[in-house]
Amino acid sequence: MPRGRRMSTVRIVCGVLWASIAIVCAAGSVGEWLIGVHAGAILCLVIAIGSGWYDYRVWTSRSRRLIV
């Protein structure tokens, strides 16, 4: 049975940071939509999707560089 790749501490910290950015921006998007700031909600949603995609790439070891 082959062993999986071991994740470094830097990769784990980077993944947690990008996940928290994605969650905060997604919650901000919902909040801004509810108070009527639709352009800000769309911008927050785009940022949340981008950071979520990068976070996925960090956790699956597909990102070459880790941006912290």
Protein backbone atom coordinates (compact mmCIF):
# COMPACT_ATOMS: atom_id res chain seq x y z
CA MET A 1 0.00 0.00 0.00
CA PRO A 2 1.63 3.28 -1.11
CA ARG A 3 1.99 6.06 1.41
CA GLY A 4 0.41 9.41 0.63
CA ARG A 5 2.42 12.57 0.39
CA ARG A 6 3.05 14.19 3.71
CA MET A 7 1.86 17.77 3.91
CA SER A 8 4.26 20.41 5.14
CA THR A 9 3.38 22.88 7.87
CA VAL A 10 3.57 25.75 5.40
CA ARG A 11 1.06 24.03 3.09
CA ILE A 12 -1.35 23.43 5.99
CA VAL A 13 -1.10 27.05 7.20
CA CYS A 14 -1.57 28.31 3.65
CA GLY A 15 -4.61 26.07 3.17
CA VAL A 16 -6.23 27.24 6.40
CA LEU A 17 -5.62 30.90 5.56
CA TRP A 18 -7.10 30.63 2.06
CA ALA A 19 -10.08 28.64 3.38
CA SER A 20 -10.79 31.34 5.95
CA ILE A 21 -10.55 34.05 3.26
CA ALA A 22 -13.02 32.11 1.11
CA ILE A 23 -15.47 31.65 3.99
CA VAL A 24 -15.31 35.28 5.11
CA CYS A 25 -15.79 36.57 1.57
CA ALA A 26 -18.70 34.18 0.94
CA ALA A 27 -20.39 35.31 4.16
CA GLY A 28 -19.70 38.93 3.24
CA SER A 29 -21.27 38.34 -0.15
CA VAL A 30 -24.47 37.06 1.43
CA GLY A 31 -24.50 39.92 3.93
CA GLU A 32 -24.00 42.56 1.29
CA TRP A 33 -26.69 41.04 -0.91
CA LEU A 34 -29.15 41.12 1.99
CA ILE A 35 -28.54 44.81 2.72
CA GLY A 36 -28.75 45.76 -0.95
CA VAL A 37 -25.13 46.31 -2.00
CA HIS A 38 -25.31 44.05 -5.04
CA ALA A 39 -22.07 45.11 -6.75
CA GLY A 40 -20.11 44.47 -3.55
CA ALA A 41 -21.83 41.11 -3.14
CA ILE A 42 -20.81 40.05 -6.64
CA LEU A 43 -17.23 41.19 -6.03
CA CYS A 44 -17.06 39.28 -2.73
CA LEU A 45 -18.49 36.21 -4.46
CA VAL A 46 -15.85 36.36 -7.20
CA ILE A 47 -13.08 36.68 -4.59
CA ALA A 48 -14.58 33.80 -2.57
CA ILE A 49 -14.71 31.54 -5.62
CA GLY A 50 -11.12 32.39 -6.57
CA SER A 51 -9.76 31.80 -3.09
CA GLY A 52 -11.77 28.63 -2.72
CA TRP A 53 -10.33 27.31 -5.99
CA TYR A 54 -6.79 28.14 -4.88
CA ASP A 55 -7.45 26.51 -1.49
CA TYR A 56 -8.60 23.36 -3.29
CA ARG A 57 -5.37 23.37 -5.28
CA VAL A 58 -3.31 23.82 -2.08
CA TRP A 59 -4.96 20.87 -0.29
CA THR A 60 -4.68 18.55 -3.32
CA SER A 61 -0.98 19.50 -3.80
CA ARG A 62 -1.61 20.88 -7.29
CA SER A 63 -0.34 24.40 -6.62
CA ARG A 64 3.30 24.88 -7.45
CA ARG A 65 3.81 27.98 -5.36
CA LEU A 66 2.26 28.67 -1.99
CA ILE A 67 1.02 32.25 -1.66
CA VAL A 68 0.74 33.24 1.98
